[in-house]
Amino acid sequence: MLNQSSDLDRLFHALSDPARRAMVARLSHGPVSVSDLARPLPMSLPAAMQHLQVLESAGLVRSQKVGRVRTCAMQPGVLVQAEQWINACRAEWERLDRLGAYLQTLKNEGEGDGSGD
């Protein structure tokens, strides 16, 4: 099994490019051929294939060749790892927000009690 941090790094790298995110969005509606997936993108088919390789390396996409047609499909289970990381960060951010609000309350109470005179 690969290092979980490396897997997460590959996943976020794959999602960091707008063209790859567009591919993922299109694949979320169902499998599609590589040429159909590449058609709306402002790039050549070989460039689109390179983006697909990044998505496949991250485990987000799986492709299968039948005859002369290569079809790609989304592998949404991989996104669970990113979701877990984001949720862990969110819990920490929310804890810090509550701490910030509490400290602001203490500051406001301290300013209002007249102890600064």
PDB file of N, CA and C in Angstrom:
ATOM      1  N   MET A   1       0.852  -1.191   0.000  1.00  0.00           N
ATOM      2  CA  MET A   1       0.000   0.000   0.000  1.00  0.00           C
ATOM      3  C   MET A   1       0.885   1.238   0.000  1.00  0.00           C
ATOM      4  N   LEU A   2       0.503   2.213  -0.793  1.00  0.00           N
ATOM      5  CA  LEU A   2       1.276   3.450  -0.880  1.00  0.00           C
ATOM      6  C   LEU A   2       1.065   4.301   0.365  1.00  0.00           C
ATOM      7  N   ASN A   3       2.018   5.161   0.609  1.00  0.00           N
ATOM      8  CA  ASN A   3       1.945   6.093   1.716  1.00  0.00           C
ATOM      9  C   ASN A   3       0.699   6.956   1.564  1.00  0.00           C
ATOM     10  N   GLN A   4      -0.099   7.056   2.621  1.00  0.00           N
ATOM     11  CA  GLN A   4      -1.358   7.808   2.551  1.00  0.00           C
ATOM     12  C   GLN A   4      -1.108   9.278   2.212  1.00  0.00           C
ATOM     13  N   SER A   5      -0.043   9.867   2.741  1.00  0.00           N
ATOM     14  CA  SER A   5       0.269  11.257   2.440  1.00  0.00           C
ATOM     15  C   SER A   5       0.590  11.426   0.954  1.00  0.00           C
ATOM     16  N   SER A   6       1.340  10.490   0.374  1.00  0.00           N
ATOM     17  CA  SER A   6       1.651  10.545  -1.053  1.00  0.00           C
ATOM     18  C   SER A   6       0.387  10.428  -1.891  1.00  0.00           C
ATOM     19  N   ASP A   7      -0.519   9.553  -1.477  1.00  0.00           N
ATOM     20  CA  ASP A   7      -1.789   9.400  -2.188  1.00  0.00           C
ATOM     21  C   ASP A   7      -2.578  10.708  -2.163  1.00  0.00           C
ATOM     22  N   LEU A   8      -2.615  11.333  -0.999  1.00  0.00           N
ATOM     23  CA  LEU A   8      -3.342  12.595  -0.855  1.00  0.00           C
ATOM     24  C   LEU A   8      -2.680  13.694  -1.681  1.00  0.00           C
ATOM     25  N   ASP A   9      -1.351  13.717  -1.685  1.00  0.00           N
ATOM     26  CA  ASP A   9      -0.630  14.702  -2.500  1.00  0.00           C
ATOM     27  C   ASP A   9      -0.964  14.529  -3.972  1.00  0.00           C
ATOM     28  N   ARG A  10      -0.977  13.282  -4.443  1.00  0.00           N
ATOM     29  CA  ARG A  10      -1.306  13.011  -5.853  1.00  0.00           C
ATOM     30  C   ARG A  10      -2.739  13.421  -6.173  1.00  0.00           C
ATOM     31  N   LEU A  11      -3.628  13.163  -5.238  1.00  0.00           N
ATOM     32  CA  LEU A  11      -5.034  13.506  -5.443  1.00  0.00           C
ATOM     33  C   LEU A  11      -5.217  15.018  -5.568  1.00  0.00           C
ATOM     34  N   PHE A  12      -4.638  15.774  -4.633  1.00  0.00           N
ATOM     35  CA  PHE A  12      -4.782  17.227  -4.705  1.00  0.00           C
ATOM     36  C   PHE A  12      -4.039  17.804  -5.908  1.00  0.00           C
ATOM     37  N   HIS A  13      -2.910  17.222  -6.266  1.00  0.00           N
ATOM     38  CA  HIS A  13      -2.211  17.668  -7.476  1.00  0.00           C
ATOM     39  C   HIS A  13      -3.102  17.444  -8.695  1.00  0.00           C
ATOM     40  N   ALA A  14      -3.734  16.290  -8.766  1.00  0.00           N
ATOM     41  CA  ALA A  14      -4.599  15.986  -9.911  1.00  0.00           C
ATOM     42  C   ALA A  14      -5.756  16.972  -9.996  1.00  0.00           C
ATOM     43  N   LEU A  15      -6.267  17.381  -8.860  1.00  0.00           N
ATOM     44  CA  LEU A  15      -7.411  18.302  -8.844  1.00  0.00           C
ATOM     45  C   LEU A  15      -6.996  19.771  -8.929  1.00  0.00           C
ATOM     46  N   SER A  16      -5.701  20.039  -8.953  1.00  0.00           N
ATOM     47  CA  SER A  16      -5.233  21.426  -8.953  1.00  0.00           C
ATOM     48  C   SER A  16      -5.350  22.108 -10.308  1.00  0.00           C
ATOM     49  N   ASP A  17      -5.541  21.348 -11.364  1.00  0.00           N
ATOM     50  CA  ASP A  17      -5.594  21.919 -12.707  1.00  0.00           C
ATOM     51  C   ASP A  17      -7.048  22.055 -13.172  1.00  0.00           C
ATOM     52  N   PRO A  18      -7.420  23.217 -13.714  1.00  0.00           N
ATOM     53  CA  PRO A  18      -8.811  23.420 -14.165  1.00  0.00           C
ATOM     54  C   PRO A  18      -9.258  22.428 -15.243  1.00  0.00           C
ATOM     55  N   ALA A  19      -8.370  22.054 -16.148  1.00  0.00           N
ATOM     56  CA  ALA A  19      -8.746  21.099 -17.202  1.00  0.00           C
ATOM     57  C   ALA A  19      -9.049  19.736 -16.595  1.00  0.00           C
ATOM     58  N   ARG A  20      -8.252  19.322 -15.612  1.00  0.00           N
ATOM     59  CA  ARG A  20      -8.500  18.027 -14.974  1.00  0.00           C
ATOM     60  C   ARG A  20      -9.775  18.067 -14.148  1.00  0.00           C
ATOM     61  N   ARG A  21     -10.043  19.202 -13.493  1.00  0.00           N
ATOM     62  CA  ARG A  21     -11.307  19.317 -12.759  1.00  0.00           C
ATOM     63  C   ARG A  21     -12.498  19.258 -13.711  1.00  0.00           C
ATOM     64  N   ALA A  22     -12.357  19.856 -14.897  1.00  0.00           N
ATOM     65  CA  ALA A  22     -13.428  19.789 -15.900  1.00  0.00           C
ATOM     66  C   ALA A  22     -13.640  18.342 -16.347  1.00  0.00           C
ATOM     67  N   MET A  23     -12.559  17.604 -16.500  1.00  0.00           N
ATOM     68  CA  MET A  23     -12.675  16.196 -16.875  1.00  0.00           C
ATOM     69  C   MET A  23     -13.396  15.400 -15.786  1.00  0.00           C
ATOM     70  N   VAL A  24     -13.014  15.649 -14.539  1.00  0.00           N
ATOM     71  CA  VAL A  24     -13.656  14.954 -13.416  1.00  0.00           C
ATOM     72  C   VAL A  24     -15.140  15.303 -13.366  1.00  0.00           C
ATOM     73  N   ALA A  25     -15.462  16.571 -13.562  1.00  0.00           N
ATOM     74  CA  ALA A  25     -16.871  16.990 -13.550  1.00  0.00           C
ATOM     75  C   ALA A  25     -17.650  16.274 -14.649  1.00  0.00           C
ATOM     76  N   ARG A  26     -17.066  16.189 -15.839  1.00  0.00           N
ATOM     77  CA  ARG A  26     -17.742  15.503 -16.946  1.00  0.00           C
ATOM     78  C   ARG A  26     -17.914  14.023 -16.640  1.00  0.00           C
ATOM     79  N   LEU A  27     -16.882  13.401 -16.082  1.00  0.00           N
ATOM     80  CA  LEU A  27     -16.945  11.971 -15.771  1.00  0.00           C
ATOM     81  C   LEU A  27     -17.891  11.661 -14.619  1.00  0.00           C
ATOM     82  N   SER A  28     -18.223  12.659 -13.819  1.00  0.00           N
ATOM     83  CA  SER A  28     -19.171  12.423 -12.722  1.00  0.00           C
ATOM     84  C   SER A  28     -20.569  12.099 -13.249  1.00  0.00           C
ATOM     85  N   HIS A  29     -20.811  12.387 -14.534  1.00  0.00           N
ATOM     86  CA  HIS A  29     -22.100  12.072 -15.155  1.00  0.00           C
ATOM     87  C   HIS A  29     -22.106  10.690 -15.792  1.00  0.00           C
ATOM     88  N   GLY A  30     -20.946  10.036 -15.849  1.00  0.00           N
ATOM     89  CA  GLY A  30     -20.867   8.695 -16.411  1.00  0.00           C
ATOM     90  C   GLY A  30     -19.660   8.535 -17.320  1.00  0.00           C
ATOM     91  N   PRO A  31     -19.361   7.303 -17.695  1.00  0.00           N
ATOM     92  CA  PRO A  31     -18.200   7.021 -18.552  1.00  0.00           C
ATOM     93  C   PRO A  31     -18.310   7.727 -19.897  1.00  0.00           C
ATOM     94  N   VAL A  32     -17.140   8.054 -20.469  1.00  0.00           N
ATOM     95  CA  VAL A  32     -17.094   8.743 -21.757  1.00  0.00           C
ATOM     96  C   VAL A  32     -15.786   8.382 -22.448  1.00  0.00           C
ATOM     97  N   SER A  33     -15.789   8.428 -23.760  1.00  0.00           N
ATOM     98  CA  SER A  33     -14.568   8.140 -24.511  1.00  0.00           C
ATOM     99  C   SER A  33     -13.576   9.285 -24.328  1.00  0.00           C
ATOM    100  N   VAL A  34     -12.305   8.960 -24.504  1.00  0.00           N
ATOM    101  CA  VAL A  34     -11.262   9.972 -24.358  1.00  0.00           C
ATOM    102  C   VAL A  34     -11.474  11.121 -25.337  1.00  0.00           C
ATOM    103  N   SER A  35     -11.799  10.801 -26.576  1.00  0.00           N
ATOM    104  CA  SER A  35     -11.980  11.874 -27.564  1.00  0.00           C
ATOM    105  C   SER A  35     -13.170  12.760 -27.203  1.00  0.00           C
ATOM    106  N   ASP A  36     -14.261  12.186 -26.697  1.00  0.00           N
ATOM    107  CA  ASP A  36     -15.401  13.000 -26.273  1.00  0.00           C
ATOM    108  C   ASP A  36     -15.052  13.830 -25.043  1.00  0.00           C
ATOM    109  N   LEU A  37     -14.239  13.275 -24.174  1.00  0.00           N
ATOM    110  CA  LEU A  37     -13.824  13.991 -22.976  1.00  0.00           C
ATOM    111  C   LEU A  37     -12.914  15.166 -23.332  1.00  0.00           C
ATOM    112  N   ALA A  38     -12.059  14.975 -24.316  1.00  0.00           N
ATOM    113  CA  ALA A  38     -11.097  16.006 -24.713  1.00  0.00           C
ATOM    114  C   ALA A  38     -11.710  17.083 -25.605  1.00  0.00           C
ATOM    115  N   ARG A  39     -12.762  16.743 -26.331  1.00  0.00           N
ATOM    116  CA  ARG A  39     -13.326  17.645 -27.347  1.00  0.00           C
ATOM    117  C   ARG A  39     -13.609  19.062 -26.854  1.00  0.00           C
ATOM    118  N   PRO A  40     -14.267  19.266 -25.694  1.00  0.00           N
ATOM    119  CA  PRO A  40     -14.575  20.652 -25.292  1.00  0.00           C
ATOM    120  C   PRO A  40     -13.384  21.414 -24.699  1.00  0.00           C
ATOM    121  N   LEU A  41     -12.275  20.732 -24.478  1.00  0.00           N
ATOM    122  CA  LEU A  41     -11.125  21.382 -23.856  1.00  0.00           C
ATOM    123  C   LEU A  41     -10.269  22.091 -24.898  1.00  0.00           C
ATOM    124  N   PRO A  42      -9.710  23.237 -24.541  1.00  0.00           N
ATOM    125  CA  PRO A  42      -8.881  23.998 -25.487  1.00  0.00           C
ATOM    126  C   PRO A  42      -7.449  23.461 -25.550  1.00  0.00           C
ATOM    127  N   MET A  43      -7.324  22.197 -25.955  1.00  0.00           N
ATOM    128  CA  MET A  43      -6.008  21.568 -26.032  1.00  0.00           C
ATOM    129  C   MET A  43      -6.061  20.407 -27.013  1.00  0.00           C
ATOM    130  N   SER A  44      -4.898  19.935 -27.378  1.00  0.00           N
ATOM    131  CA  SER A  44      -4.815  18.805 -28.303  1.00  0.00           C
ATOM    132  C   SER A  44      -5.180  17.512 -27.578  1.00  0.00           C
ATOM    133  N   LEU A  45      -5.479  16.490 -28.350  1.00  0.00           N
ATOM    134  CA  LEU A  45      -5.781  15.178 -27.776  1.00  0.00           C
ATOM    135  C   LEU A  45      -4.588  14.635 -26.980  1.00  0.00           C
ATOM    136  N   PRO A  46      -3.342  14.752 -27.483  1.00  0.00           N
ATOM    137  CA  PRO A  46      -2.212  14.279 -26.676  1.00  0.00           C
ATOM    138  C   PRO A  46      -2.079  15.017 -25.332  1.00  0.00           C
ATOM    139  N   ALA A  47      -2.374  16.314 -25.314  1.00  0.00           N
ATOM    140  CA  ALA A  47      -2.326  17.061 -24.057  1.00  0.00           C
ATOM    141  C   ALA A  47      -3.416  16.565 -23.105  1.00  0.00           C
ATOM    142  N   ALA A  48      -4.600  16.312 -23.638  1.00  0.00           N
ATOM    143  CA  ALA A  48      -5.688  15.783 -22.820  1.00  0.00           C
ATOM    144  C   ALA A  48      -5.320  14.405 -22.260  1.00  0.00           C
ATOM    145  N   MET A  49      -4.644  13.609 -23.065  1.00  0.00           N
ATOM    146  CA  MET A  49      -4.205  12.281 -22.605  1.00  0.00           C
ATOM    147  C   MET A  49      -3.226  12.412 -21.435  1.00  0.00           C
ATOM    148  N   GLN A  50      -2.360  13.403 -21.476  1.00  0.00           N
ATOM    149  CA  GLN A  50      -1.432  13.613 -20.361  1.00  0.00           C
ATOM    150  C   GLN A  50      -2.184  13.968 -19.083  1.00  0.00           C
ATOM    151  N   HIS A  51      -3.219  14.793 -19.215  1.00  0.00           N
ATOM    152  CA  HIS A  51      -4.035  15.128 -18.050  1.00  0.00           C
ATOM    153  C   HIS A  51      -4.737  13.878 -17.516  1.00  0.00           C
ATOM    154  N   LEU A  52      -5.222  13.047 -18.406  1.00  0.00           N
ATOM    155  CA  LEU A  52      -5.871  11.806 -17.980  1.00  0.00           C
ATOM    156  C   LEU A  52      -4.898  10.890 -17.245  1.00  0.00           C
ATOM    157  N   GLN A  53      -3.662  10.867 -17.678  1.00  0.00           N
ATOM    158  CA  GLN A  53      -2.659  10.050 -16.986  1.00  0.00           C
ATOM    159  C   GLN A  53      -2.471  10.521 -15.548  1.00  0.00           C
ATOM    160  N   VAL A  54      -2.504  11.826 -15.334  1.00  0.00           N
ATOM    161  CA  VAL A  54      -2.384  12.370 -13.978  1.00  0.00           C
ATOM    162  C   VAL A  54      -3.593  11.926 -13.150  1.00  0.00           C
ATOM    163  N   LEU A  55      -4.785  12.012 -13.731  1.00  0.00           N
ATOM    164  CA  LEU A  55      -6.000  11.589 -13.024  1.00  0.00           C
ATOM    165  C   LEU A  55      -5.971  10.099 -12.718  1.00  0.00           C
ATOM    166  N   GLU A  56      -5.481   9.302 -13.655  1.00  0.00           N
ATOM    167  CA  GLU A  56      -5.375   7.856 -13.427  1.00  0.00           C
ATOM    168  C   GLU A  56      -4.337   7.546 -12.357  1.00  0.00           C
ATOM    169  N   SER A  57      -3.227   8.260 -12.376  1.00  0.00           N
ATOM    170  CA  SER A  57      -2.174   8.060 -11.377  1.00  0.00           C
ATOM    171  C   SER A  57      -2.693   8.348  -9.972  1.00  0.00           C
ATOM    172  N   ALA A  58      -3.585   9.317  -9.856  1.00  0.00           N
ATOM    173  CA  ALA A  58      -4.179   9.658  -8.564  1.00  0.00           C
ATOM    174  C   ALA A  58      -5.296   8.699  -8.181  1.00  0.00           C
ATOM    175  N   GLY A  59      -5.706   7.849  -9.109  1.00  0.00           N
ATOM    176  CA  GLY A  59      -6.770   6.892  -8.837  1.00  0.00           C
ATOM    177  C   GLY A  59      -8.168   7.432  -9.036  1.00  0.00           C
ATOM    178  N   LEU A  60      -8.281   8.659  -9.552  1.00  0.00           N
ATOM    179  CA  LEU A  60      -9.595   9.269  -9.760  1.00  0.00           C
ATOM    180  C   LEU A  60     -10.323   8.725 -10.982  1.00  0.00           C
ATOM    181  N   VAL A  61      -9.560   8.261 -11.959  1.00  0.00           N
ATOM    182  CA  VAL A  61     -10.130   7.820 -13.232  1.00  0.00           C
ATOM    183  C   VAL A  61      -9.539   6.462 -13.584  1.00  0.00           C
ATOM    184  N   ARG A  62     -10.363   5.632 -14.173  1.00  0.00           N
ATOM    185  CA  ARG A  62      -9.906   4.360 -14.712  1.00  0.00           C
ATOM    186  C   ARG A  62     -10.324   4.323 -16.174  1.00  0.00           C
ATOM    187  N   SER A  63      -9.432   3.865 -17.025  1.00  0.00           N
ATOM    188  CA  SER A  63      -9.783   3.778 -18.444  1.00  0.00           C
ATOM    189  C   SER A  63      -9.675   2.334 -18.912  1.00  0.00           C
ATOM    190  N   GLN A  64     -10.434   2.062 -19.961  1.00  0.00           N
ATOM    191  CA  GLN A  64     -10.464   0.715 -20.536  1.00  0.00           C
ATOM    192  C   GLN A  64     -10.546   0.866 -22.045  1.00  0.00           C
ATOM    193  N   LYS A  65      -9.729   0.097 -22.742  1.00  0.00           N
ATOM    194  CA  LYS A  65      -9.735   0.162 -24.194  1.00  0.00           C
ATOM    195  C   LYS A  65     -10.486  -1.043 -24.745  1.00  0.00           C
ATOM    196  N   VAL A  66     -11.474  -0.752 -25.575  1.00  0.00           N
ATOM    197  CA  VAL A  66     -12.236  -1.791 -26.270  1.00  0.00           C
ATOM    198  C   VAL A  66     -12.155  -1.463 -27.747  1.00  0.00           C
ATOM    199  N   GLY A  67     -11.458  -2.296 -28.489  1.00  0.00           N
ATOM    200  CA  GLY A  67     -11.232  -2.002 -29.898  1.00  0.00           C
ATOM    201  C   GLY A  67     -10.339  -0.781 -30.023  1.00  0.00           C
ATOM    202  N   ARG A  68     -10.815   0.209 -30.748  1.00  0.00           N
ATOM    203  CA  ARG A  68     -10.042   1.440 -30.944  1.00  0.00           C
ATOM    204  C   ARG A  68     -10.471   2.560 -30.009  1.00  0.00           C
ATOM    205  N   VAL A  69     -11.449   2.279 -29.137  1.00  0.00           N
ATOM    206  CA  VAL A  69     -12.002   3.329 -28.274  1.00  0.00           C
ATOM    207  C   VAL A  69     -11.565   3.104 -26.827  1.00  0.00           C
ATOM    208  N   ARG A  70     -10.973   4.146 -26.256  1.00  0.00           N
ATOM    209  CA  ARG A  70     -10.611   4.125 -24.831  1.00  0.00           C
ATOM    210  C   ARG A  70     -11.674   4.926 -24.087  1.00  0.00           C
ATOM    211  N   THR A  71     -12.311   4.260 -23.125  1.00  0.00           N
ATOM    212  CA  THR A  71     -13.371   4.876 -22.332  1.00  0.00           C
ATOM    213  C   THR A  71     -12.879   5.090 -20.912  1.00  0.00           C
ATOM    214  N   CYS A  72     -13.194   6.251 -20.377  1.00  0.00           N
ATOM    215  CA  CYS A  72     -12.786   6.616 -19.017  1.00  0.00           C
ATOM    216  C   CYS A  72     -14.006   6.628 -18.107  1.00  0.00           C
ATOM    217  N   ALA A  73     -13.774   6.255 -16.849  1.00  0.00           N
ATOM    218  CA  ALA A  73     -14.828   6.287 -15.842  1.00  0.00           C
ATOM    219  C   ALA A  73     -14.258   6.844 -14.544  1.00  0.00           C
ATOM    220  N   MET A  74     -15.081   7.542 -13.828  1.00  0.00           N
ATOM    221  CA  MET A  74     -14.708   8.137 -12.546  1.00  0.00           C
ATOM    222  C   MET A  74     -14.636   7.057 -11.478  1.00  0.00           C
ATOM    223  N   GLN A  75     -13.695   7.207 -10.544  1.00  0.00           N
ATOM    224  CA  GLN A  75     -13.557   6.331  -9.391  1.00  0.00           C
ATOM    225  C   GLN A  75     -13.768   7.188  -8.136  1.00  0.00           C
ATOM    226  N   PRO A  76     -15.023   7.489  -7.790  1.00  0.00           N
ATOM    227  CA  PRO A  76     -15.301   8.474  -6.742  1.00  0.00           C
ATOM    228  C   PRO A  76     -14.830   8.071  -5.346  1.00  0.00           C
ATOM    229  N   GLY A  77     -14.608   6.799  -5.103  1.00  0.00           N
ATOM    230  CA  GLY A  77     -14.173   6.360  -3.780  1.00  0.00           C
ATOM    231  C   GLY A  77     -12.867   6.994  -3.335  1.00  0.00           C
ATOM    232  N   VAL A  78     -12.029   7.373  -4.292  1.00  0.00           N
ATOM    233  CA  VAL A  78     -10.743   7.987  -3.964  1.00  0.00           C
ATOM    234  C   VAL A  78     -10.945   9.336  -3.273  1.00  0.00           C
ATOM    235  N   LEU A  79     -12.041   9.991  -3.564  1.00  0.00           N
ATOM    236  CA  LEU A  79     -12.301  11.302  -2.976  1.00  0.00           C
ATOM    237  C   LEU A  79     -12.571  11.230  -1.475  1.00  0.00           C
ATOM    238  N   VAL A  80     -12.849  10.035  -0.957  1.00  0.00           N
ATOM    239  CA  VAL A  80     -13.102   9.870   0.473  1.00  0.00           C
ATOM    240  C   VAL A  80     -11.883  10.311   1.281  1.00  0.00           C
ATOM    241  N   GLN A  81     -10.703   9.986   0.799  1.00  0.00           N
ATOM    242  CA  GLN A  81      -9.472  10.368   1.497  1.00  0.00           C
ATOM    243  C   GLN A  81      -9.361  11.893   1.606  1.00  0.00           C
ATOM    244  N   ALA A  82      -9.653  12.603   0.525  1.00  0.00           N
ATOM    245  CA  ALA A  82      -9.614  14.063   0.555  1.00  0.00           C
ATOM    246  C   ALA A  82     -10.699  14.599   1.491  1.00  0.00           C
ATOM    247  N   GLU A  83     -11.867  13.993   1.440  1.00  0.00           N
ATOM    248  CA  GLU A  83     -12.965  14.419   2.299  1.00  0.00           C
ATOM    249  C   GLU A  83     -12.590  14.260   3.771  1.00  0.00           C
ATOM    250  N   GLN A  84     -11.954  13.149   4.126  1.00  0.00           N
ATOM    251  CA  GLN A  84     -11.544  12.928   5.511  1.00  0.00           C
ATOM    252  C   GLN A  84     -10.511  13.961   5.951  1.00  0.00           C
ATOM    253  N   TRP A  85      -9.563  14.279   5.081  1.00  0.00           N
ATOM    254  CA  TRP A  85      -8.537  15.266   5.417  1.00  0.00           C
ATOM    255  C   TRP A  85      -9.180  16.644   5.616  1.00  0.00           C
ATOM    256  N   ILE A  86     -10.070  17.022   4.708  1.00  0.00           N
ATOM    257  CA  ILE A  86     -10.748  18.319   4.800  1.00  0.00           C
ATOM    258  C   ILE A  86     -11.595  18.396   6.065  1.00  0.00           C
ATOM    259  N   ASN A  87     -12.306  17.315   6.394  1.00  0.00           N
ATOM    260  CA  ASN A  87     -13.134  17.314   7.604  1.00  0.00           C
ATOM    261  C   ASN A  87     -12.287  17.439   8.867  1.00  0.00           C
ATOM    262  N   ALA A  88     -11.125  16.798   8.893  1.00  0.00           N
ATOM    263  CA  ALA A  88     -10.223  16.916  10.044  1.00  0.00           C
ATOM    264  C   ALA A  88      -9.742  18.358  10.177  1.00  0.00           C
ATOM    265  N   CYS A  89      -9.391  18.980   9.055  1.00  0.00           N
ATOM    266  CA  CYS A  89      -8.974  20.388   9.082  1.00  0.00           C
ATOM    267  C   CYS A  89     -10.115  21.284   9.510  1.00  0.00           C
ATOM    268  N   ARG A  90     -11.302  21.010   9.011  1.00  0.00           N
ATOM    269  CA  ARG A  90     -12.472  21.828   9.354  1.00  0.00           C
ATOM    270  C   ARG A  90     -12.725  21.788  10.860  1.00  0.00           C
ATOM    271  N   ALA A  91     -12.596  20.618  11.465  1.00  0.00           N
ATOM    272  CA  ALA A  91     -12.803  20.496  12.904  1.00  0.00           C
ATOM    273  C   ALA A  91     -11.806  21.374  13.662  1.00  0.00           C
ATOM    274  N   GLU A  92     -10.564  21.394  13.215  1.00  0.00           N
ATOM    275  CA  GLU A  92      -9.537  22.235  13.845  1.00  0.00           C
ATOM    276  C   GLU A  92      -9.853  23.717  13.643  1.00  0.00           C
ATOM    277  N   TRP A  93     -10.252  24.092  12.422  1.00  0.00           N
ATOM    278  CA  TRP A  93     -10.585  25.491  12.139  1.00  0.00           C
ATOM    279  C   TRP A  93     -11.753  25.953  13.000  1.00  0.00           C
ATOM    280  N   GLU A  94     -12.768  25.098  13.134  1.00  0.00           N
ATOM    281  CA  GLU A  94     -13.939  25.467  13.934  1.00  0.00           C
ATOM    282  C   GLU A  94     -13.564  25.615  15.397  1.00  0.00           C
ATOM    283  N   ARG A  95     -12.662  24.752  15.882  1.00  0.00           N
ATOM    284  CA  ARG A  95     -12.199  24.860  17.269  1.00  0.00           C
ATOM    285  C   ARG A  95     -11.472  26.191  17.466  1.00  0.00           C
ATOM    286  N   LEU A  96     -10.637  26.559  16.500  1.00  0.00           N
ATOM    287  CA  LEU A  96      -9.919  27.831  16.587  1.00  0.00           C
ATOM    288  C   LEU A  96     -10.870  29.028  16.486  1.00  0.00           C
ATOM    289  N   ASP A  97     -11.911  28.900  15.665  1.00  0.00           N
ATOM    290  CA  ASP A  97     -12.921  29.969  15.572  1.00  0.00           C
ATOM    291  C   ASP A  97     -13.616  30.173  16.913  1.00  0.00           C
ATOM    292  N   ARG A  98     -13.964  29.051  17.575  1.00  0.00           N
ATOM    293  CA  ARG A  98     -14.620  29.158  18.886  1.00  0.00           C
ATOM    294  C   ARG A  98     -13.682  29.802  19.904  1.00  0.00           C
ATOM    295  N   LEU A  99     -12.415  29.427  19.858  1.00  0.00           N
ATOM    296  CA  LEU A  99     -11.433  30.020  20.760  1.00  0.00           C
ATOM    297  C   LEU A  99     -11.322  31.522  20.494  1.00  0.00           C
ATOM    298  N   GLY A 100     -11.264  31.908  19.210  1.00  0.00           N
ATOM    299  CA  GLY A 100     -11.193  33.322  18.854  1.00  0.00           C
ATOM    300  C   GLY A 100     -12.402  34.085  19.352  1.00  0.00           C
ATOM    301  N   ALA A 101     -13.577  33.509  19.209  1.00  0.00           N
ATOM    302  CA  ALA A 101     -14.804  34.165  19.673  1.00  0.00           C
ATOM    303  C   ALA A 101     -14.784  34.306  21.194  1.00  0.00           C
ATOM    304  N   TYR A 102     -14.308  33.263  21.885  1.00  0.00           N
ATOM    305  CA  TYR A 102     -14.228  33.321  23.350  1.00  0.00           C
ATOM    306  C   TYR A 102     -13.253  34.411  23.790  1.00  0.00           C
ATOM    307  N   LEU A 103     -12.093  34.475  23.149  1.00  0.00           N
ATOM    308  CA  LEU A 103     -11.108  35.502  23.500  1.00  0.00           C
ATOM    309  C   LEU A 103     -11.650  36.904  23.225  1.00  0.00           C
ATOM    310  N   GLN A 104     -12.395  37.072  22.142  1.00  0.00           N
ATOM    311  CA  GLN A 104     -13.006  38.374  21.841  1.00  0.00           C
ATOM    312  C   GLN A 104     -14.028  38.740  22.912  1.00  0.00           C
ATOM    313  N   THR A 105     -14.783  37.746  23.381  1.00  0.00           N
ATOM    314  CA  THR A 105     -15.755  37.990  24.451  1.00  0.00           C
ATOM    315  C   THR A 105     -15.045  38.452  25.718  1.00  0.00           C
ATOM    316  N   LEU A 106     -13.935  37.777  26.068  1.00  0.00           N
ATOM    317  CA  LEU A 106     -13.173  38.184  27.252  1.00  0.00           C
ATOM    318  C   LEU A 106     -12.638  39.597  27.096  1.00  0.00           C
ATOM    319  N   LYS A 107     -12.153  39.917  25.921  1.00  0.00           N
ATOM    320  CA  LYS A 107     -11.620  41.263  25.661  1.00  0.00           C
ATOM    321  C   LYS A 107     -12.724  42.299  25.812  1.00  0.00           C
ATOM    322  N   ASN A 108     -13.899  42.024  25.232  1.00  0.00           N
ATOM    323  CA  ASN A 108     -15.021  42.963  25.308  1.00  0.00           C
ATOM    324  C   ASN A 108     -15.482  43.151  26.741  1.00  0.00           C
ATOM    325  N   GLU A 109     -15.519  42.069  27.526  1.00  0.00           N
ATOM    326  CA  GLU A 109     -15.937  42.161  28.923  1.00  0.00           C
ATOM    327  C   GLU A 109     -14.903  42.974  29.717  1.00  0.00           C
ATOM    328  N   GLY A 110     -13.626  42.773  29.408  1.00  0.00           N
ATOM    329  CA  GLY A 110     -12.569  43.500  30.094  1.00  0.00           C
ATOM    330  C   GLY A 110     -12.614  44.984  29.816  1.00  0.00           C
ATOM    331  N   GLU A 111     -13.011  45.361  28.601  1.00  0.00           N
ATOM    332  CA  GLU A 111     -13.105  46.770  28.223  1.00  0.00           C
ATOM    333  C   GLU A 111     -14.310  47.436  28.861  1.00  0.00           C
ATOM    334  N   GLY A 112     -15.341  46.640  29.139  1.00  0.00           N
ATOM    335  CA  GLY A 112     -16.588  47.209  29.651  1.00  0.00           C
ATOM    336  C   GLY A 112     -16.667  47.271  31.171  1.00  0.00           C
ATOM    337  N   ASP A 113     -15.715  46.687  31.907  1.00  0.00           N
ATOM    338  CA  ASP A 113     -15.837  46.670  33.367  1.00  0.00           C
ATOM    339  C   ASP A 113     -15.178  47.874  34.060  1.00  0.00           C
ATOM    340  N   GLY A 114     -14.583  48.734  33.302  1.00  0.00           N
ATOM    341  CA  GLY A 114     -13.998  49.945  33.861  1.00  0.00           C
ATOM    342  C   GLY A 114     -12.687  49.697  34.581  1.00  0.00           C
ATOM    343  N   SER A 115     -12.084  48.549  34.445  1.00  0.00           N
ATOM    344  CA  SER A 115     -10.846  48.248  35.160  1.00  0.00           C
ATOM    345  C   SER A 115      -9.661  48.961  34.571  1.00  0.00           C
ATOM    346  N   GLY A 116      -9.829  49.590  33.416  1.00  0.00           N
ATOM    347  CA  GLY A 116      -8.729  50.299  32.771  1.00  0.00           C
ATOM    348  C   GLY A 116      -8.516  51.697  33.342  1.00  0.00           C
ATOM    349  N   ASP A 117      -9.383  52.159  34.283  1.00  0.00           N
ATOM    350  CA  ASP A 117      -9.278  53.500  34.850  1.00  0.00           C
ATOM    351  C   ASP A 117      -8.279  53.608  35.953  1.00  0.00           C
TER     352      ASP A 117
END
